[in-house]
PDB file of N, CA and C in Angstrom:
ATOM      1  N   MET A   1     -90.235  45.097-123.487  1.00  0.00           N
ATOM      2  CA  MET A   1     -89.461  44.709-124.618  1.00  0.00           C
ATOM      3  C   MET A   1     -90.392  44.491-125.831  1.00  0.00           C
ATOM      4  N   SER A   2     -89.996  44.990-126.966  1.00  0.00           N
ATOM      5  CA  SER A   2     -90.876  44.881-128.176  1.00  0.00           C
ATOM      6  C   SER A   2     -90.718  43.467-128.737  1.00  0.00           C
ATOM      7  N   SER A   3     -91.684  43.128-129.568  1.00  0.00           N
ATOM      8  CA  SER A   3     -91.632  41.773-130.174  1.00  0.00           C
ATOM      9  C   SER A   3     -90.491  41.699-131.181  1.00  0.00           C
ATOM     10  N   PRO A   4     -89.902  40.491-131.369  1.00  0.00           N
ATOM     11  CA  PRO A   4     -88.783  40.342-132.292  1.00  0.00           C
ATOM     12  C   PRO A   4     -89.223  40.698-133.720  1.00  0.00           C
ATOM     13  N   LYS A   5     -88.309  41.238-134.453  1.00  0.00           N
ATOM     14  CA  LYS A   5     -88.542  41.574-135.852  1.00  0.00           C
ATOM     15  C   LYS A   5     -87.731  40.630-136.724  1.00  0.00           C
ATOM     16  N   MET A   6     -88.273  40.251-137.869  1.00  0.00           N
ATOM     17  CA  MET A   6     -87.556  39.386-138.785  1.00  0.00           C
ATOM     18  C   MET A   6     -86.643  40.224-139.627  1.00  0.00           C
ATOM     19  N   VAL A   7     -85.420  39.784-139.811  1.00  0.00           N
ATOM     20  CA  VAL A   7     -84.410  40.435-140.644  1.00  0.00           C
ATOM     21  C   VAL A   7     -83.890  39.367-141.620  1.00  0.00           C
ATOM     22  N   THR A   8     -83.743  39.756-142.870  1.00  0.00           N
ATOM     23  CA  THR A   8     -83.261  38.847-143.875  1.00  0.00           C
ATOM     24  C   THR A   8     -81.814  39.254-144.240  1.00  0.00           C
ATOM     25  N   ALA A   9     -80.951  38.256-144.348  1.00  0.00           N
ATOM     26  CA  ALA A   9     -79.565  38.536-144.753  1.00  0.00           C
ATOM     27  C   ALA A   9     -79.126  37.439-145.719  1.00  0.00           C
ATOM     28  N   ARG A  10     -78.305  37.801-146.670  1.00  0.00           N
ATOM     29  CA  ARG A  10     -77.753  36.825-147.609  1.00  0.00           C
ATOM     30  C   ARG A  10     -76.356  36.452-147.116  1.00  0.00           C
ATOM     31  N   LEU A  11     -76.145  35.164-146.986  1.00  0.00           N
ATOM     32  CA  LEU A  11     -74.855  34.656-146.532  1.00  0.00           C
ATOM     33  C   LEU A  11     -74.293  33.651-147.513  1.00  0.00           C
ATOM     34  N   PRO A  12     -72.964  33.606-147.606  1.00  0.00           N
ATOM     35  CA  PRO A  12     -72.363  32.559-148.513  1.00  0.00           C
ATOM     36  C   PRO A  12     -72.730  31.156-148.006  1.00  0.00           C
ATOM     37  N   GLU A  13     -72.858  30.246-148.918  1.00  0.00           N
ATOM     38  CA  GLU A  13     -73.257  28.871-148.558  1.00  0.00           C
ATOM     39  C   GLU A  13     -72.365  28.274-147.524  1.00  0.00           C
ATOM     40  N   VAL A  14     -71.076  28.495-147.630  1.00  0.00           N
ATOM     41  CA  VAL A  14     -70.099  27.929-146.673  1.00  0.00           C
ATOM     42  C   VAL A  14     -70.390  28.461-145.248  1.00  0.00           C
ATOM     43  N   LEU A  15     -70.754  29.726-145.149  1.00  0.00           N
ATOM     44  CA  LEU A  15     -71.035  30.297-143.846  1.00  0.00           C
ATOM     45  C   LEU A  15     -72.349  29.707-143.252  1.00  0.00           C
ATOM     46  N   VAL A  16     -73.322  29.478-144.119  1.00  0.00           N
ATOM     47  CA  VAL A  16     -74.575  28.861-143.622  1.00  0.00           C
ATOM     48  C   VAL A  16     -74.294  27.413-143.174  1.00  0.00           C
ATOM     49  N   GLU A  17     -73.449  26.711-143.871  1.00  0.00           N
ATOM     50  CA  GLU A  17     -73.086  25.331-143.442  1.00  0.00           C
ATOM     51  C   GLU A  17     -72.417  25.375-142.083  1.00  0.00           C
ATOM     52  N   LYS A  18     -71.495  26.304-141.877  1.00  0.00           N
ATOM     53  CA  LYS A  18     -70.844  26.426-140.559  1.00  0.00           C
ATOM     54  C   LYS A  18     -71.804  26.838-139.480  1.00  0.00           C
ATOM     55  N   LEU A  19     -72.749  27.718-139.826  1.00  0.00           N
ATOM     56  CA  LEU A  19     -73.775  28.112-138.873  1.00  0.00           C
ATOM     57  C   LEU A  19     -74.652  26.935-138.456  1.00  0.00           C
ATOM     58  N   ASP A  20     -75.073  26.129-139.428  1.00  0.00           N
ATOM     59  CA  ASP A  20     -75.898  24.962-139.174  1.00  0.00           C
ATOM     60  C   ASP A  20     -75.141  23.964-138.294  1.00  0.00           C
ATOM     61  N   GLU A  21     -73.879  23.742-138.570  1.00  0.00           N
ATOM     62  CA  GLU A  21     -73.080  22.796-137.772  1.00  0.00           C
ATOM     63  C   GLU A  21     -72.939  23.311-136.331  1.00  0.00           C
ATOM     64  N   ALA A  22     -72.688  24.618-136.194  1.00  0.00           N
ATOM     65  CA  ALA A  22     -72.576  25.197-134.839  1.00  0.00           C
ATOM     66  C   ALA A  22     -73.907  25.054-134.082  1.00  0.00           C
ATOM     67  N   ALA A  23     -75.023  25.251-134.784  1.00  0.00           N
ATOM     68  CA  ALA A  23     -76.349  25.159-134.149  1.00  0.00           C
ATOM     69  C   ALA A  23     -76.571  23.726-133.667  1.00  0.00           C
ATOM     70  N   ARG A  24     -76.162  22.738-134.505  1.00  0.00           N
ATOM     71  CA  ARG A  24     -76.316  21.348-134.073  1.00  0.00           C
ATOM     72  C   ARG A  24     -75.448  21.056-132.830  1.00  0.00           C
ATOM     73  N   LYS A  25     -74.201  21.573-132.846  1.00  0.00           N
ATOM     74  CA  LYS A  25     -73.277  21.319-131.769  1.00  0.00           C
ATOM     75  C   LYS A  25     -73.789  21.844-130.420  1.00  0.00           C
ATOM     76  N   VAL A  26     -74.352  23.044-130.428  1.00  0.00           N
ATOM     77  CA  VAL A  26     -74.792  23.656-129.172  1.00  0.00           C
ATOM     78  C   VAL A  26     -76.279  23.426-128.899  1.00  0.00           C
ATOM     79  N   GLY A  27     -76.966  22.770-129.815  1.00  0.00           N
ATOM     80  CA  GLY A  27     -78.367  22.469-129.557  1.00  0.00           C
ATOM     81  C   GLY A  27     -79.262  23.682-129.575  1.00  0.00           C
ATOM     82  N   ARG A  28     -78.919  24.650-130.388  1.00  0.00           N
ATOM     83  CA  ARG A  28     -79.688  25.898-130.502  1.00  0.00           C
ATOM     84  C   ARG A  28     -80.047  26.141-131.949  1.00  0.00           C
ATOM     85  N   SER A  29     -80.889  27.166-132.195  1.00  0.00           N
ATOM     86  CA  SER A  29     -81.321  27.518-133.550  1.00  0.00           C
ATOM     87  C   SER A  29     -80.296  28.442-134.204  1.00  0.00           C
ATOM     88  N   ARG A  30     -80.417  28.562-135.515  1.00  0.00           N
ATOM     89  CA  ARG A  30     -79.622  29.535-136.269  1.00  0.00           C
ATOM     90  C   ARG A  30     -79.847  30.943-135.655  1.00  0.00           C
ATOM     91  N   SER A  31     -81.118  31.241-135.443  1.00  0.00           N
ATOM     92  CA  SER A  31     -81.448  32.590-134.936  1.00  0.00           C
ATOM     93  C   SER A  31     -80.759  32.853-133.606  1.00  0.00           C
ATOM     94  N   TRP A  32     -80.751  31.870-132.734  1.00  0.00           N
ATOM     95  CA  TRP A  32     -80.106  32.072-131.394  1.00  0.00           C
ATOM     96  C   TRP A  32     -78.645  32.406-131.574  1.00  0.00           C
ATOM     97  N   ILE A  33     -77.939  31.642-132.433  1.00  0.00           N
ATOM     98  CA  ILE A  33     -76.498  31.867-132.627  1.00  0.00           C
ATOM     99  C   ILE A  33     -76.278  33.229-133.276  1.00  0.00           C
ATOM    100  N   ILE A  34     -77.044  33.592-134.269  1.00  0.00           N
ATOM    101  CA  ILE A  34     -76.882  34.896-134.907  1.00  0.00           C
ATOM    102  C   ILE A  34     -77.166  36.018-133.906  1.00  0.00           C
ATOM    103  N   ARG A  35     -78.250  35.886-133.115  1.00  0.00           N
ATOM    104  CA  ARG A  35     -78.596  36.895-132.128  1.00  0.00           C
ATOM    105  C   ARG A  35     -77.474  37.070-131.099  1.00  0.00           C
ATOM    106  N   GLU A  36     -76.960  35.949-130.585  1.00  0.00           N
ATOM    107  CA  GLU A  36     -75.898  36.034-129.561  1.00  0.00           C
ATOM    108  C   GLU A  36     -74.636  36.658-130.158  1.00  0.00           C
ATOM    109  N   ALA A  37     -74.269  36.273-131.358  1.00  0.00           N
ATOM    110  CA  ALA A  37     -73.073  36.805-132.011  1.00  0.00           C
ATOM    111  C   ALA A  37     -73.237  38.299-132.271  1.00  0.00           C
ATOM    112  N   LEU A  38     -74.404  38.715-132.731  1.00  0.00           N
ATOM    113  CA  LEU A  38     -74.654  40.123-133.026  1.00  0.00           C
ATOM    114  C   LEU A  38     -74.676  40.945-131.725  1.00  0.00           C
ATOM    115  N   GLU A  39     -75.267  40.443-130.689  1.00  0.00           N
ATOM    116  CA  GLU A  39     -75.273  41.162-129.426  1.00  0.00           C
ATOM    117  C   GLU A  39     -73.845  41.324-128.901  1.00  0.00           C
ATOM    118  N   ALA A  40     -73.047  40.266-129.008  1.00  0.00           N
ATOM    119  CA  ALA A  40     -71.649  40.342-128.574  1.00  0.00           C
ATOM    120  C   ALA A  40     -70.893  41.352-129.437  1.00  0.00           C
ATOM    121  N   TYR A  41     -71.110  41.348-130.720  1.00  0.00           N
ATOM    122  CA  TYR A  41     -70.448  42.263-131.622  1.00  0.00           C
ATOM    123  C   TYR A  41     -70.762  43.705-131.298  1.00  0.00           C
ATOM    124  N   LEU A  42     -72.023  43.939-130.974  1.00  0.00           N
ATOM    125  CA  LEU A  42     -72.480  45.332-130.705  1.00  0.00           C
ATOM    126  C   LEU A  42     -72.292  45.719-129.249  1.00  0.00           C
ATOM    127  N   SER A  43     -71.737  44.887-128.441  1.00  0.00           N
ATOM    128  CA  SER A  43     -71.491  45.215-127.028  1.00  0.00           C
ATOM    129  C   SER A  43     -70.519  46.356-126.916  1.00  0.00           C
ATOM    130  N   ALA A  44     -70.256  46.780-125.745  1.00  0.00           N
ATOM    131  CA  ALA A  44     -69.349  47.937-125.537  1.00  0.00           C
ATOM    132  C   ALA A  44     -68.012  47.747-126.217  1.00  0.00           C
ATOM    133  N   SER A  45     -67.420  46.582-126.077  1.00  0.00           N
ATOM    134  CA  SER A  45     -66.128  46.361-126.729  1.00  0.00           C
ATOM    135  C   SER A  45     -66.289  46.241-128.257  1.00  0.00           C
ATOM    136  N   GLY A  46     -67.410  45.664-128.699  1.00  0.00           N
ATOM    137  CA  GLY A  46     -67.670  45.641-130.125  1.00  0.00           C
ATOM    138  C   GLY A  46     -67.835  47.026-130.717  1.00  0.00           C
ATOM    139  N   LYS A  47     -68.462  47.905-129.971  1.00  0.00           N
ATOM    140  CA  LYS A  47     -68.652  49.257-130.424  1.00  0.00           C
ATOM    141  C   LYS A  47     -67.306  49.952-130.601  1.00  0.00           C
ATOM    142  N   ALA A  48     -66.376  49.682-129.676  1.00  0.00           N
ATOM    143  CA  ALA A  48     -65.023  50.269-129.765  1.00  0.00           C
ATOM    144  C   ALA A  48     -64.343  49.756-131.036  1.00  0.00           C
ATOM    145  N   GLU A  49     -64.514  48.477-131.343  1.00  0.00           N
ATOM    146  CA  GLU A  49     -63.871  47.937-132.555  1.00  0.00           C
ATOM    147  C   GLU A  49     -64.507  48.542-133.812  1.00  0.00           C
ATOM    148  N   ILE A  50     -65.821  48.724-133.807  1.00  0.00           N
ATOM    149  CA  ILE A  50     -66.493  49.342-134.925  1.00  0.00           C
ATOM    150  C   ILE A  50     -65.993  50.754-135.128  1.00  0.00           C
ATOM    151  N   ALA A  51     -65.867  51.517-134.022  1.00  0.00           N
ATOM    152  CA  ALA A  51     -65.375  52.900-134.098  1.00  0.00           C
ATOM    153  C   ALA A  51     -63.969  52.951-134.687  1.00  0.00           C
ATOM    154  N   LYS A  52     -63.150  51.960-134.409  1.00  0.00           N
ATOM    155  CA  LYS A  52     -61.785  51.879-134.941  1.00  0.00           C
ATOM    156  C   LYS A  52     -61.776  51.411-136.381  1.00  0.00           C
ATOM    157  N   GLY A  53     -62.900  50.998-136.907  1.00  0.00           N
ATOM    158  CA  GLY A  53     -62.949  50.538-138.279  1.00  0.00           C
ATOM    159  C   GLY A  53     -62.786  49.027-138.351  1.00  0.00           C
ATOM    160  N   GLY A  54     -62.833  48.323-137.203  1.00  0.00           N
ATOM    161  CA  GLY A  54     -62.705  46.865-137.211  1.00  0.00           C
ATOM    162  C   GLY A  54     -63.948  46.217-137.753  1.00  0.00           C
ATOM    163  N   VAL A  55     -63.781  45.080-138.402  1.00  0.00           N
ATOM    164  CA  VAL A  55     -64.915  44.402-138.989  1.00  0.00           C
ATOM    165  C   VAL A  55     -65.450  43.304-138.079  1.00  0.00           C
ATOM    166  N   ARG A  56     -64.574  42.595-137.376  1.00  0.00           N
ATOM    167  CA  ARG A  56     -64.996  41.474-136.564  1.00  0.00           C
ATOM    168  C   ARG A  56     -65.586  41.816-135.206  1.00  0.00           C
ATOM    169  N   GLY A  57     -65.181  42.898-134.601  1.00  0.00           N
ATOM    170  CA  GLY A  57     -65.616  43.239-133.281  1.00  0.00           C
ATOM    171  C   GLY A  57     -65.109  42.258-132.252  1.00  0.00           C
ATOM    172  N   ASP A  58     -65.672  42.268-131.088  1.00  0.00           N
ATOM    173  CA  ASP A  58     -65.193  41.422-130.010  1.00  0.00           C
ATOM    174  C   ASP A  58     -66.119  40.219-129.837  1.00  0.00           C
ATOM    175  N   ILE A  59     -66.113  39.335-130.832  1.00  0.00           N
ATOM    176  CA  ILE A  59     -67.027  38.179-130.825  1.00  0.00           C
ATOM    177  C   ILE A  59     -66.682  37.141-129.738  1.00  0.00           C
ATOM    178  N   MET A  60     -65.473  37.239-129.202  1.00  0.00           N
ATOM    179  CA  MET A  60     -65.110  36.254-128.195  1.00  0.00           C
ATOM    180  C   MET A  60     -65.933  36.396-126.917  1.00  0.00           C
ATOM    181  N   SER A  61     -66.581  37.534-126.701  1.00  0.00           N
ATOM    182  CA  SER A  61     -67.415  37.659-125.524  1.00  0.00           C
ATOM    183  C   SER A  61     -68.626  36.735-125.666  1.00  0.00           C
ATOM    184  N   PHE A  62     -68.911  36.292-126.887  1.00  0.00           N
ATOM    185  CA  PHE A  62     -69.970  35.283-127.128  1.00  0.00           C
ATOM    186  C   PHE A  62     -69.748  34.028-126.298  1.00  0.00           C
ATOM    187  N   ALA A  63     -68.482  33.640-126.080  1.00  0.00           N
ATOM    188  CA  ALA A  63     -68.169  32.451-125.302  1.00  0.00           C
ATOM    189  C   ALA A  63     -68.744  32.558-123.914  1.00  0.00           C
ATOM    190  N   GLY A  64     -68.528  33.688-123.263  1.00  0.00           N
ATOM    191  CA  GLY A  64     -69.073  33.891-121.919  1.00  0.00           C
ATOM    192  C   GLY A  64     -70.604  33.908-121.922  1.00  0.00           C
ATOM    193  N   ALA A  65     -71.219  34.532-122.923  1.00  0.00           N
ATOM    194  CA  ALA A  65     -72.652  34.615-123.003  1.00  0.00           C
ATOM    195  C   ALA A  65     -73.249  33.247-123.149  1.00  0.00           C
ATOM    196  N   GLY A  66     -72.649  32.396-123.955  1.00  0.00           N
ATOM    197  CA  GLY A  66     -73.175  31.047-124.146  1.00  0.00           C
ATOM    198  C   GLY A  66     -73.155  30.227-122.886  1.00  0.00           C
ATOM    199  N   VAL A  67     -72.122  30.331-122.118  1.00  0.00           N
ATOM    200  CA  VAL A  67     -71.979  29.560-120.888  1.00  0.00           C
ATOM    201  C   VAL A  67     -73.032  30.054-119.884  1.00  0.00           C
ATOM    202  N   LYS A  68     -73.197  31.355-119.755  1.00  0.00           N
ATOM    203  CA  LYS A  68     -74.152  31.890-118.777  1.00  0.00           C
ATOM    204  C   LYS A  68     -75.571  31.491-119.123  1.00  0.00           C
ATOM    205  N   ILE A  69     -75.904  31.442-120.418  1.00  0.00           N
ATOM    206  CA  ILE A  69     -77.298  31.163-120.801  1.00  0.00           C
ATOM    207  C   ILE A  69     -77.606  29.687-120.752  1.00  0.00           C
ATOM    208  N   SER A  70     -76.758  28.842-121.320  1.00  0.00           N
ATOM    209  CA  SER A  70     -77.124  27.449-121.497  1.00  0.00           C
ATOM    210  C   SER A  70     -76.525  26.489-120.510  1.00  0.00           C
ATOM    211  N   ASN A  71     -75.344  26.810-119.966  1.00  0.00           N
ATOM    212  CA  ASN A  71     -74.605  25.886-119.089  1.00  0.00           C
ATOM    213  C   ASN A  71     -74.385  24.516-119.756  1.00  0.00           C
ATOM    214  N   ARG A  72     -74.472  24.459-121.075  1.00  0.00           N
ATOM    215  CA  ARG A  72     -74.282  23.206-121.763  1.00  0.00           C
ATOM    216  C   ARG A  72     -72.825  23.051-122.227  1.00  0.00           C
ATOM    217  N   ARG A  73     -72.135  24.159-122.412  1.00  0.00           N
ATOM    218  CA  ARG A  73     -70.779  24.142-122.964  1.00  0.00           C
ATOM    219  C   ARG A  73     -69.851  24.880-122.058  1.00  0.00           C
ATOM    220  N   SER A  74     -68.642  24.450-121.998  1.00  0.00           N
ATOM    221  CA  SER A  74     -67.598  25.200-121.261  1.00  0.00           C
ATOM    222  C   SER A  74     -67.141  26.372-122.160  1.00  0.00           C
ATOM    223  N   ALA A  75     -66.489  27.332-121.549  1.00  0.00           N
ATOM    224  CA  ALA A  75     -65.989  28.443-122.318  1.00  0.00           C
ATOM    225  C   ALA A  75     -64.966  27.965-123.346  1.00  0.00           C
ATOM    226  N   ALA A  76     -64.161  26.975-123.000  1.00  0.00           N
ATOM    227  CA  ALA A  76     -63.165  26.423-123.936  1.00  0.00           C
ATOM    228  C   ALA A  76     -63.854  25.795-125.116  1.00  0.00           C
ATOM    229  N   GLU A  77     -64.950  25.049-124.900  1.00  0.00           N
ATOM    230  CA  GLU A  77     -65.707  24.434-126.004  1.00  0.00           C
ATOM    231  C   GLU A  77     -66.260  25.480-126.925  1.00  0.00           C
ATOM    232  N   ILE A  78     -66.823  26.528-126.373  1.00  0.00           N
ATOM    233  CA  ILE A  78     -67.436  27.575-127.176  1.00  0.00           C
ATOM    234  C   ILE A  78     -66.360  28.324-127.928  1.00  0.00           C
ATOM    235  N   ASP A  79     -65.211  28.618-127.277  1.00  0.00           N
ATOM    236  CA  ASP A  79     -64.083  29.256-127.953  1.00  0.00           C
ATOM    237  C   ASP A  79     -63.640  28.434-129.140  1.00  0.00           C
ATOM    238  N   ALA A  80     -63.572  27.128-128.969  1.00  0.00           N
ATOM    239  CA  ALA A  80     -63.196  26.238-130.073  1.00  0.00           C
ATOM    240  C   ALA A  80     -64.185  26.308-131.205  1.00  0.00           C
ATOM    241  N   GLU A  81     -65.434  26.336-130.895  1.00  0.00           N
ATOM    242  CA  GLU A  81     -66.479  26.443-131.933  1.00  0.00           C
ATOM    243  C   GLU A  81     -66.418  27.782-132.680  1.00  0.00           C
ATOM    244  N   ILE A  82     -66.114  28.855-131.943  1.00  0.00           N
ATOM    245  CA  ILE A  82     -66.001  30.143-132.596  1.00  0.00           C
ATOM    246  C   ILE A  82     -64.801  30.127-133.540  1.00  0.00           C
ATOM    247  N   ARG A  83     -63.689  29.559-133.096  1.00  0.00           N
ATOM    248  CA  ARG A  83     -62.523  29.429-133.980  1.00  0.00           C
ATOM    249  C   ARG A  83     -62.872  28.604-135.188  1.00  0.00           C
ATOM    250  N   TRP A  84     -63.635  27.553-135.014  1.00  0.00           N
ATOM    251  CA  TRP A  84     -64.054  26.693-136.157  1.00  0.00           C
ATOM    252  C   TRP A  84     -64.930  27.505-137.098  1.00  0.00           C
ATOM    253  N   LEU A  85     -65.881  28.305-136.556  1.00  0.00           N
ATOM    254  CA  LEU A  85     -66.737  29.129-137.427  1.00  0.00           C
ATOM    255  C   LEU A  85     -65.934  30.128-138.235  1.00  0.00           C
ATOM    256  N   ARG A  86     -64.895  30.661-137.597  1.00  0.00           N
ATOM    257  CA  ARG A  86     -64.054  31.647-138.281  1.00  0.00           C
ATOM    258  C   ARG A  86     -63.122  30.980-139.300  1.00  0.00           C
ATOM    259  N   GLY A  87     -62.947  29.671-139.186  1.00  0.00           N
ATOM    260  CA  GLY A  87     -62.022  28.955-140.049  1.00  0.00           C
ATOM    261  C   GLY A  87     -60.638  28.937-139.515  1.00  0.00           C
ATOM    262  N   ASN A  88     -60.491  29.176-138.194  1.00  0.00           N
ATOM    263  CA  ASN A  88     -59.196  29.204-137.512  1.00  0.00           C
ATOM    264  C   ASN A  88     -58.948  27.942-136.717  1.00  0.00           C
ATOM    265  N   ASP A  89     -59.308  26.779-137.257  1.00  0.00           N
ATOM    266  CA  ASP A  89     -59.164  25.544-136.523  1.00  0.00           C
ATOM    267  C   ASP A  89     -57.839  25.521-135.839  1.00  0.00           C
TER     268      ASP A  89
END
């Protein structure tokens, strides 16, 4: 595996605030959350959504990834956090 590369992205302030809150809730870094979300988005189901012209992809698979990696949160807790990040409280 190659070494990680730094990527810069500009995000609206409100999204950064939500990202920081989510990072605090799960005890992970911004980078970890962004990496997990991006991997989920680009997964096989995410690729299908991209091919259809979808913007969001299948980010809900992130819930399963978080539970498998950290065992700190239940799938329901992670689903709730993803809904919060999307603004779908």
